C-alpha atoms as a PDB file:
ATOM      1  CA  UNK A   1       0.000   0.000   0.000  1.00  0.00           C
ATOM      2  CA  UNK A   2       1.332   3.467  -0.904  1.00  0.00           C
ATOM      3  CA  UNK A   3       1.779   5.676   2.108  1.00  0.00           C
ATOM      4  CA  UNK A   4      -0.368   8.802   2.313  1.00  0.00           C
ATOM      5  CA  UNK A   5       1.998  11.730   2.652  1.00  0.00           C
ATOM      6  CA  UNK A   6       1.401  14.662   4.982  1.00  0.00           C
ATOM      7  CA  UNK A   7       3.625  17.687   4.345  1.00  0.00           C
ATOM      8  CA  UNK A   8       4.025  20.427   6.953  1.00  0.00           C
ATOM      9  CA  UNK A   9       5.593  23.764   5.936  1.00  0.00           C
ATOM     10  CA  UNK A  10       6.902  25.470   9.049  1.00  0.00           C
ATOM     11  CA  UNK A  11       9.581  27.766  10.435  1.00  0.00           C
ATOM     12  CA  UNK A  12       9.850  25.574  13.536  1.00  0.00           C
ATOM     13  CA  UNK A  13       9.983  21.891  12.527  1.00  0.00           C
ATOM     14  CA  UNK A  14      11.475  21.024  15.916  1.00  0.00           C
ATOM     15  CA  UNK A  15       8.079  21.745  17.484  1.00  0.00           C
ATOM     16  CA  UNK A  16       6.762  18.550  15.888  1.00  0.00           C
ATOM     17  CA  UNK A  17       9.462  16.210  17.202  1.00  0.00           C
ATOM     18  CA  UNK A  18       7.596  15.033  20.280  1.00  0.00           C
ATOM     19  CA  UNK A  19       4.233  15.013  18.534  1.00  0.00           C
ATOM     20  CA  UNK A  20       5.516  12.750  15.767  1.00  0.00           C
ATOM     21  CA  UNK A  21       7.305  10.314  18.058  1.00  0.00           C
ATOM     22  CA  UNK A  22       5.195   9.977  21.214  1.00  0.00           C
ATOM     23  CA  UNK A  23       1.739   8.669  22.038  1.00  0.00           C
ATOM     24  CA  UNK A  24      -0.809   6.929  19.850  1.00  0.00           C
ATOM     25  CA  UNK A  25      -0.915   9.641  17.190  1.00  0.00           C
ATOM     26  CA  UNK A  26       2.852   9.909  17.075  1.00  0.00           C
ATOM     27  CA  UNK A  27       3.115   6.154  16.698  1.00  0.00           C
ATOM     28  CA  UNK A  28       0.662   6.202  13.810  1.00  0.00           C
ATOM     29  CA  UNK A  29       2.446   9.041  12.031  1.00  0.00           C
ATOM     30  CA  UNK A  30       5.997   7.865  12.637  1.00  0.00           C
ATOM     31  CA  UNK A  31       5.483   4.633  10.717  1.00  0.00           C
ATOM     32  CA  UNK A  32       5.503   2.308  13.750  1.00  0.00           C
ATOM     33  CA  UNK A  33       2.106   1.072  12.642  1.00  0.00           C
ATOM     34  CA  UNK A  34       1.197  -0.082   9.151  1.00  0.00           C
ATOM     35  CA  UNK A  35      -1.368   2.676   8.698  1.00  0.00           C
ATOM     36  CA  UNK A  36       0.033   4.161   5.512  1.00  0.00           C
ATOM     37  CA  UNK A  37       1.220   7.611   6.677  1.00  0.00           C
ATOM     38  CA  UNK A  38       4.482   9.429   6.144  1.00  0.00           C
ATOM     39  CA  UNK A  39       5.026  12.953   7.488  1.00  0.00           C
ATOM     40  CA  UNK A  40       7.504  15.349   5.847  1.00  0.00           C
ATOM     41  CA  UNK A  41       8.582  18.549   7.600  1.00  0.00           C
ATOM     42  CA  UNK A  42       9.656  21.354   5.256  1.00  0.00           C
ATOM     43  CA  UNK A  43      11.700  24.235   6.696  1.00  0.00           C
ATOM     44  CA  UNK A  44      10.291  27.339   4.985  1.00  0.00           C
ATOM     45  CA  UNK A  45      13.448  29.335   5.703  1.00  0.00           C
ATOM     46  CA  UNK A  46      15.471  27.027   3.472  1.00  0.00           C
ATOM     47  CA  UNK A  47      13.501  28.307   0.482  1.00  0.00           C
ATOM     48  CA  UNK A  48      14.061  32.032   0.995  1.00  0.00           C
ATOM     49  CA  UNK A  49      15.953  33.686  -1.888  1.00  0.00           C
ATOM     50  CA  UNK A  50      18.185  35.844   0.301  1.00  0.00           C
ATOM     51  CA  UNK A  51      21.417  34.829   1.984  1.00  0.00           C
ATOM     52  CA  UNK A  52      19.994  35.946   5.339  1.00  0.00           C
ATOM     53  CA  UNK A  53      17.021  33.612   4.854  1.00  0.00           C
ATOM     54  CA  UNK A  54      14.406  36.364   5.048  1.00  0.00           C
ATOM     55  CA  UNK A  55      10.911  34.892   5.010  1.00  0.00           C
ATOM     56  CA  UNK A  56       8.944  37.993   5.947  1.00  0.00           C
ATOM     57  CA  UNK A  57       8.754  41.727   5.317  1.00  0.00           C
ATOM     58  CA  UNK A  58       6.853  44.798   6.503  1.00  0.00           C
ATOM     59  CA  UNK A  59       3.284  45.124   5.216  1.00  0.00           C
ATOM     60  CA  UNK A  60       2.399  47.488   2.387  1.00  0.00           C
ATOM     61  CA  UNK A  61       0.110  50.232   3.675  1.00  0.00           C
ATOM     62  CA  UNK A  62       1.751  50.156   7.085  1.00  0.00           C
ATOM     63  CA  UNK A  63       0.778  48.420  10.260  1.00  0.00           C
ATOM     64  CA  UNK A  64       2.433  46.472  13.072  1.00  0.00           C
ATOM     65  CA  UNK A  65       4.417  43.298  12.667  1.00  0.00           C
ATOM     66  CA  UNK A  66       5.684  41.466   9.619  1.00  0.00           C
ATOM     67  CA  UNK A  67       4.027  39.427   6.858  1.00  0.00           C
ATOM     68  CA  UNK A  68       5.271  36.114   5.442  1.00  0.00           C
ATOM     69  CA  UNK A  69       6.277  36.524   1.812  1.00  0.00           C
ATOM     70  CA  UNK A  70       4.294  34.899  -1.000  1.00  0.00           C
ATOM     71  CA  UNK A  71       7.388  34.107  -3.077  1.00  0.00           C
ATOM     72  CA  UNK A  72       9.092  32.287  -0.209  1.00  0.00           C
ATOM     73  CA  UNK A  73       6.008  30.208   0.530  1.00  0.00           C
ATOM     74  CA  UNK A  74       5.626  29.376  -3.151  1.00  0.00           C
ATOM     75  CA  UNK A  75       9.268  28.230  -3.311  1.00  0.00           C
ATOM     76  CA  UNK A  76       8.731  26.053  -0.224  1.00  0.00           C
ATOM     77  CA  UNK A  77       5.598  24.540  -1.754  1.00  0.00           C
ATOM     78  CA  UNK A  78       7.004  23.945  -5.248  1.00  0.00           C
ATOM     79  CA  UNK A  79      10.583  22.957  -4.411  1.00  0.00           C
ATOM     80  CA  UNK A  80      10.035  21.514  -0.947  1.00  0.00           C
ATOM     81  CA  UNK A  81       6.890  19.535  -1.746  1.00  0.00           C
ATOM     82  CA  UNK A  82       6.050  19.262  -5.436  1.00  0.00           C
ATOM     83  CA  UNK A  83       9.577  18.647  -6.714  1.00  0.00           C
ATOM     84  CA  UNK A  84      10.850  16.803  -3.644  1.00  0.00           C
ATOM     85  CA  UNK A  85       7.756  14.607  -3.589  1.00  0.00           C
ATOM     86  CA  UNK A  86       7.796  13.781  -7.275  1.00  0.00           C
ATOM     87  CA  UNK A  87       4.410  15.323  -8.004  1.00  0.00           C
ATOM     88  CA  UNK A  88       3.653  16.595 -11.485  1.00  0.00           C
ATOM     89  CA  UNK A  89       4.335  20.311 -11.862  1.00  0.00           C
ATOM     90  CA  UNK A  90       1.392  20.670 -14.208  1.00  0.00           C
ATOM     91  CA  UNK A  91      -1.172  18.784 -12.149  1.00  0.00           C
ATOM     92  CA  UNK A  92       0.013  18.965  -8.520  1.00  0.00           C
ATOM     93  CA  UNK A  93      -3.156  20.864  -7.606  1.00  0.00           C
ATOM     94  CA  UNK A  94      -5.037  17.625  -8.268  1.00  0.00           C
ATOM     95  CA  UNK A  95      -2.585  15.594  -6.175  1.00  0.00           C
ATOM     96  CA  UNK A  96      -2.279  17.871  -3.147  1.00  0.00           C
ATOM     97  CA  UNK A  97      -4.691  19.582  -0.777  1.00  0.00           C
ATOM     98  CA  UNK A  98      -3.091  22.751   0.622  1.00  0.00           C
ATOM     99  CA  UNK A  99      -4.482  23.725   4.028  1.00  0.00           C
ATOM    100  CA  UNK A 100      -3.894  26.880   6.069  1.00  0.00           C
ATOM    101  CA  UNK A 101      -4.771  27.409   9.720  1.00  0.00           C
ATOM    102  CA  UNK A 102      -6.455  30.813   9.854  1.00  0.00           C
ATOM    103  CA  UNK A 103      -9.387  32.760  11.323  1.00  0.00           C
ATOM    104  CA  UNK A 104     -11.419  32.674   8.107  1.00  0.00           C
ATOM    105  CA  UNK A 105     -11.790  28.909   8.194  1.00  0.00           C
ATOM    106  CA  UNK A 106     -14.618  26.912   9.693  1.00  0.00           C
ATOM    107  CA  UNK A 107     -14.164  26.651  13.451  1.00  0.00           C
ATOM    108  CA  UNK A 108     -12.894  23.168  14.294  1.00  0.00           C
ATOM    109  CA  UNK A 109     -14.994  20.782  16.360  1.00  0.00           C
ATOM    110  CA  UNK A 110     -15.696  17.065  16.693  1.00  0.00           C
ATOM    111  CA  UNK A 111     -17.825  16.971  13.551  1.00  0.00           C
ATOM    112  CA  UNK A 112     -15.091  18.790  11.604  1.00  0.00           C
ATOM    113  CA  UNK A 113     -12.491  16.294  12.795  1.00  0.00           C
ATOM    114  CA  UNK A 114     -14.601  13.331  11.736  1.00  0.00           C
ATOM    115  CA  UNK A 115     -15.406  14.841   8.346  1.00  0.00           C
ATOM    116  CA  UNK A 116     -11.752  15.772   7.767  1.00  0.00           C
ATOM    117  CA  UNK A 117     -10.594  12.247   8.557  1.00  0.00           C
ATOM    118  CA  UNK A 118     -13.062  10.730   6.116  1.00  0.00           C
ATOM    119  CA  UNK A 119     -12.395  13.225   3.349  1.00  0.00           C
ATOM    120  CA  UNK A 120      -8.617  13.622   3.539  1.00  0.00           C
ATOM    121  CA  UNK A 121      -6.932  11.145   5.903  1.00  0.00           C
ATOM    122  CA  UNK A 122      -8.324   7.760   4.946  1.00  0.00           C
ATOM    123  CA  UNK A 123      -5.483   5.853   3.239  1.00  0.00           C
ATOM    124  CA  UNK A 124      -7.623   5.261   0.154  1.00  0.00           C
ATOM    125  CA  UNK A 125      -8.306   8.978  -0.464  1.00  0.00           C
ATOM    126  CA  UNK A 126      -6.441  10.265  -3.494  1.00  0.00           C
ATOM    127  CA  UNK A 127      -4.875  13.552  -2.378  1.00  0.00           C
ATOM    128  CA  UNK A 128      -1.886  14.042  -0.115  1.00  0.00           C
ATOM    129  CA  UNK A 129      -2.040  16.937   2.357  1.00  0.00           C
ATOM    130  CA  UNK A 130       0.069  20.073   2.765  1.00  0.00           C
ATOM    131  CA  UNK A 131      -0.308  22.144   5.934  1.00  0.00           C
ATOM    132  CA  UNK A 132       0.977  25.738   5.928  1.00  0.00           C
ATOM    133  CA  UNK A 133       2.002  26.994   9.377  1.00  0.00           C
ATOM    134  CA  UNK A 134       1.734  30.781   9.328  1.00  0.00           C
ATOM    135  CA  UNK A 135       3.622  33.113  11.648  1.00  0.00           C
ATOM    136  CA  UNK A 136       3.894  36.833  12.471  1.00  0.00           C
ATOM    137  CA  UNK A 137       0.922  38.999  11.365  1.00  0.00           C
ATOM    138  CA  UNK A 138      -0.070  36.506   8.697  1.00  0.00           C
ATOM    139  CA  UNK A 139       0.890  35.568   5.166  1.00  0.00           C
ATOM    140  CA  UNK A 140       0.643  37.455   1.889  1.00  0.00           C
ATOM    141  CA  UNK A 141      -2.929  37.259   0.599  1.00  0.00           C
ATOM    142  CA  UNK A 142      -1.724  36.509  -2.927  1.00  0.00           C
ATOM    143  CA  UNK A 143      -0.308  33.160  -1.812  1.00  0.00           C
ATOM    144  CA  UNK A 144      -3.568  32.316  -0.054  1.00  0.00           C
ATOM    145  CA  UNK A 145      -5.661  33.169  -3.092  1.00  0.00           C
ATOM    146  CA  UNK A 146      -3.404  31.273  -5.504  1.00  0.00           C
ATOM    147  CA  UNK A 147      -2.374  28.142  -3.630  1.00  0.00           C
ATOM    148  CA  UNK A 148      -4.498  27.510  -0.518  1.00  0.00           C
ATOM    149  CA  UNK A 149      -7.449  25.139  -1.012  1.00  0.00           C
ATOM    150  CA  UNK A 150      -8.862  25.109   2.502  1.00  0.00           C
ATOM    151  CA  UNK A 151      -8.641  27.262   5.637  1.00  0.00           C
ATOM    152  CA  UNK A 152      -9.327  25.821   9.076  1.00  0.00           C
ATOM    153  CA  UNK A 153      -9.724  27.703  12.352  1.00  0.00           C
ATOM    154  CA  UNK A 154      -8.913  26.134  15.699  1.00  0.00           C
ATOM    155  CA  UNK A 155     -11.055  28.720  17.481  1.00  0.00           C
ATOM    156  CA  UNK A 156     -11.649  32.404  18.094  1.00  0.00           C
ATOM    157  CA  UNK A 157      -8.304  33.146  19.724  1.00  0.00           C
ATOM    158  CA  UNK A 158      -4.774  34.004  18.630  1.00  0.00           C
ATOM    159  CA  UNK A 159      -1.792  31.636  18.528  1.00  0.00           C
ATOM    160  CA  UNK A 160       1.827  32.541  17.858  1.00  0.00           C
ATOM    161  CA  UNK A 161       1.811  30.292  14.803  1.00  0.00           C
ATOM    162  CA  UNK A 162       0.014  27.508  12.996  1.00  0.00           C
ATOM    163  CA  UNK A 163       2.075  24.652  14.419  1.00  0.00           C
ATOM    164  CA  UNK A 164      -0.110  24.015  17.466  1.00  0.00           C
ATOM    165  CA  UNK A 165      -3.247  24.233  15.344  1.00  0.00           C
ATOM    166  CA  UNK A 166      -1.911  21.685  12.844  1.00  0.00           C
ATOM    167  CA  UNK A 167      -1.073  19.284  15.672  1.00  0.00           C
ATOM    168  CA  UNK A 168      -4.605  19.687  17.037  1.00  0.00           C
ATOM    169  CA  UNK A 169      -6.144  19.092  13.604  1.00  0.00           C
ATOM    170  CA  UNK A 170      -4.145  15.904  13.108  1.00  0.00           C
ATOM    171  CA  UNK A 171      -4.519  14.595  16.662  1.00  0.00           C
ATOM    172  CA  UNK A 172      -8.288  15.031  16.742  1.00  0.00           C
ATOM    173  CA  UNK A 173      -8.984  13.727  13.220  1.00  0.00           C
ATOM    174  CA  UNK A 174      -6.593  10.770  13.089  1.00  0.00           C
ATOM    175  CA  UNK A 175      -8.436   9.248  16.054  1.00  0.00           C
ATOM    176  CA  UNK A 176     -11.213   8.283  13.649  1.00  0.00           C
ATOM    177  CA  UNK A 177      -8.900   6.266  11.398  1.00  0.00           C
ATOM    178  CA  UNK A 178      -9.275   2.518  12.059  1.00  0.00           C
ATOM    179  CA  UNK A 179      -6.218   1.129  13.836  1.00  0.00           C
ATOM    180  CA  UNK A 180      -4.951   4.394  15.334  1.00  0.00           C
ATOM    181  CA  UNK A 181      -6.543   3.941  18.760  1.00  0.00           C
ATOM    182  CA  UNK A 182      -5.818   0.738  20.624  1.00  0.00           C
ATOM    183  CA  UNK A 183      -9.515   0.191  21.315  1.00  0.00           C
ATOM    184  CA  UNK A 184     -11.806   0.806  18.347  1.00  0.00           C
ATOM    185  CA  UNK A 185     -14.621   1.782  20.733  1.00  0.00           C
ATOM    186  CA  UNK A 186     -12.611   4.578  22.370  1.00  0.00           C
ATOM    187  CA  UNK A 187     -13.438   7.206  19.754  1.00  0.00           C
ATOM    188  CA  UNK A 188     -17.130   6.341  19.968  1.00  0.00           C
ATOM    189  CA  UNK A 189     -17.292   6.732  23.755  1.00  0.00           C
ATOM    190  CA  UNK A 190     -15.371  10.008  24.048  1.00  0.00           C
ATOM    191  CA  UNK A 191     -16.761  13.455  24.782  1.00  0.00           C
ATOM    192  CA  UNK A 192     -18.732  15.202  22.004  1.00  0.00           C
ATOM    193  CA  UNK A 193     -19.716  11.913  20.380  1.00  0.00           C
ATOM    194  CA  UNK A 194     -23.509  11.808  20.103  1.00  0.00           C
ATOM    195  CA  UNK A 195     -23.467  15.456  21.174  1.00  0.00           C
ATOM    196  CA  UNK A 196     -22.685  14.819  24.856  1.00  0.00           C
ATOM    197  CA  UNK A 197     -19.747  15.010  27.221  1.00  0.00           C
ATOM    198  CA  UNK A 198     -18.222  11.778  28.433  1.00  0.00           C
ATOM    199  CA  UNK A 199     -19.443  10.217  31.675  1.00  0.00           C
ATOM    200  CA  UNK A 200     -17.253  10.279  34.850  1.00  0.00           C
ATOM    201  CA  UNK A 201     -14.498   7.662  34.935  1.00  0.00           C
ATOM    202  CA  UNK A 202     -13.286   5.645  37.937  1.00  0.00           C
ATOM    203  CA  UNK A 203     -10.555   3.094  38.618  1.00  0.00           C
ATOM    204  CA  UNK A 204      -8.663   1.618  41.598  1.00  0.00           C
ATOM    205  CA  UNK A 205      -8.617   2.191  44.488  1.00  0.00           C
ATOM    206  CA  UNK A 206     -12.319   1.759  45.248  1.00  0.00           C
ATOM    207  CA  UNK A 207     -12.047   4.260  48.099  1.00  0.00           C
ATOM    208  CA  UNK A 208     -10.151   7.546  47.743  1.00  0.00           C
ATOM    209  CA  UNK A 209     -10.130  10.046  50.633  1.00  0.00           C
ATOM    210  CA  UNK A 210     -13.541   8.823  51.787  1.00  0.00           C
ATOM    211  CA  UNK A 211     -15.088   8.814  48.314  1.00  0.00           C
ATOM    212  CA  UNK A 212     -16.255   5.474  46.946  1.00  0.00           C
ATOM    213  CA  UNK A 213     -16.671   4.300  43.382  1.00  0.00           C
ATOM    214  CA  UNK A 214     -20.412   4.317  42.536  1.00  0.00           C
ATOM    215  CA  UNK A 215     -21.836   0.912  43.372  1.00  0.00           C
ATOM    216  CA  UNK A 216     -23.562   0.572  40.018  1.00  0.00           C
ATOM    217  CA  UNK A 217     -20.153   0.329  38.314  1.00  0.00           C
ATOM    218  CA  UNK A 218     -19.249  -2.637  40.502  1.00  0.00           C
ATOM    219  CA  UNK A 219     -22.533  -4.473  39.938  1.00  0.00           C
ATOM    220  CA  UNK A 220     -21.568  -6.260  36.739  1.00  0.00           C
ATOM    221  CA  UNK A 221     -25.026  -5.459  35.336  1.00  0.00           C
ATOM    222  CA  UNK A 222     -24.124  -4.120  31.888  1.00  0.00           C
ATOM    223  CA  UNK A 223     -27.526  -2.726  30.980  1.00  0.00           C
ATOM    224  CA  UNK A 224     -27.840  -0.811  34.253  1.00  0.00           C
ATOM    225  CA  UNK A 225     -24.265   0.469  33.916  1.00  0.00           C
ATOM    226  CA  UNK A 226     -24.965   1.690  30.367  1.00  0.00           C
ATOM    227  CA  UNK A 227     -28.159   3.422  31.533  1.00  0.00           C
ATOM    228  CA  UNK A 228     -26.288   5.114  34.409  1.00  0.00           C
ATOM    229  CA  UNK A 229     -23.497   6.243  32.108  1.00  0.00           C
ATOM    230  CA  UNK A 230     -25.918   7.789  29.653  1.00  0.00           C
ATOM    231  CA  UNK A 231     -27.740   9.606  32.463  1.00  0.00           C
ATOM    232  CA  UNK A 232     -24.420  10.937  33.712  1.00  0.00           C
ATOM    233  CA  UNK A 233     -23.461  12.159  30.251  1.00  0.00           C
ATOM    234  CA  UNK A 234     -26.715  14.061  29.957  1.00  0.00           C
ATOM    235  CA  UNK A 235     -26.413  15.570  33.452  1.00  0.00           C
ATOM    236  CA  UNK A 236     -22.767  16.607  32.999  1.00  0.00           C
ATOM    237  CA  UNK A 237     -23.458  18.159  29.618  1.00  0.00           C
ATOM    238  CA  UNK A 238     -26.433  20.102  30.960  1.00  0.00           C
ATOM    239  CA  UNK A 239     -24.357  21.365  33.907  1.00  0.00           C
ATOM    240  CA  UNK A 240     -21.019  22.160  32.258  1.00  0.00           C
ATOM    241  CA  UNK A 241     -21.916  22.804  28.601  1.00  0.00           C
ATOM    242  CA  UNK A 242     -25.475  24.119  28.359  1.00  0.00           C
ATOM    243  CA  UNK A 243     -24.771  25.170  24.761  1.00  0.00           C
ATOM    244  CA  UNK A 244     -24.050  21.563  23.804  1.00  0.00           C
ATOM    245  CA  UNK A 245     -27.030  20.369  25.812  1.00  0.00           C
ATOM    246  CA  UNK A 246     -29.444  22.642  23.950  1.00  0.00           C
ATOM    247  CA  UNK A 247     -28.002  21.441  20.643  1.00  0.00           C
ATOM    248  CA  UNK A 248     -28.428  17.846  21.814  1.00  0.00           C
ATOM    249  CA  UNK A 249     -32.068  18.459  22.826  1.00  0.00           C
ATOM    250  CA  UNK A 250     -32.802  20.001  19.427  1.00  0.00           C
ATOM    251  CA  UNK A 251     -31.257  17.000  17.657  1.00  0.00           C
ATOM    252  CA  UNK A 252     -33.352  14.614  19.733  1.00  0.00           C
ATOM    253  CA  UNK A 253     -36.505  16.551  18.924  1.00  0.00           C
ATOM    254  CA  UNK A 254     -35.712  16.347  15.223  1.00  0.00           C
ATOM    255  CA  UNK A 255     -35.180  12.599  15.470  1.00  0.00           C
ATOM    256  CA  UNK A 256     -38.454  12.258  17.338  1.00  0.00           C
ATOM    257  CA  UNK A 257     -40.333  14.236  14.734  1.00  0.00           C
ATOM    258  CA  UNK A 258     -40.834  17.317  16.927  1.00  0.00           C
ATOM    259  CA  UNK A 259     -40.300  20.866  15.664  1.00  0.00           C
END
């Protein structure tokens, strides 16, 4: 099976070292499992035309901060990905999906992660993926308009760069790929699945500082345990995430034929 390639254009490739080598996601991406992924880190600075490796410049029209240059990003994409990866220069837009973390994209959530995994990360999908990690005040709009296919937003807040966002996108979406998690049921039982938070979890010891594990979990009665867990999920969601709870209620009304 040909490995699906994930390219990450970044000024700080060292930020991905732990992510790509530790934990379940790191194991999947580092090739320790036969899941068909190969991650390539491309140092954007290596594709700057100047001897001093300048990747940014002051914005036209004035303003604070610096802007990443379109020509440098294009060089990194063409030379660092298209040429290095053996893609066709004339049809690489059909072979690659170029993704930018930015505020104009759809805000990421559990549904986004699941959809992204199905559309772009399944080994049988045709396109490889290129993530662009922006820095500074942003990147030249001309590069975005010409080369970026999809923008994704991690949320309505500011990060120093796109690296953390890209890690979050990959970590949350790869969980839906069969074989990534040790237990196939783990992704189904986690928070936000079915629109609810996860139920409380308990393990040994049975007694901790005077607090006991709920007796129902020790009963061995699977149907009663499942009923208790569902009730807990509903109660916790209503208490801690009323926004999710209202969305859940609306979805249940739709399923039940209520308007």
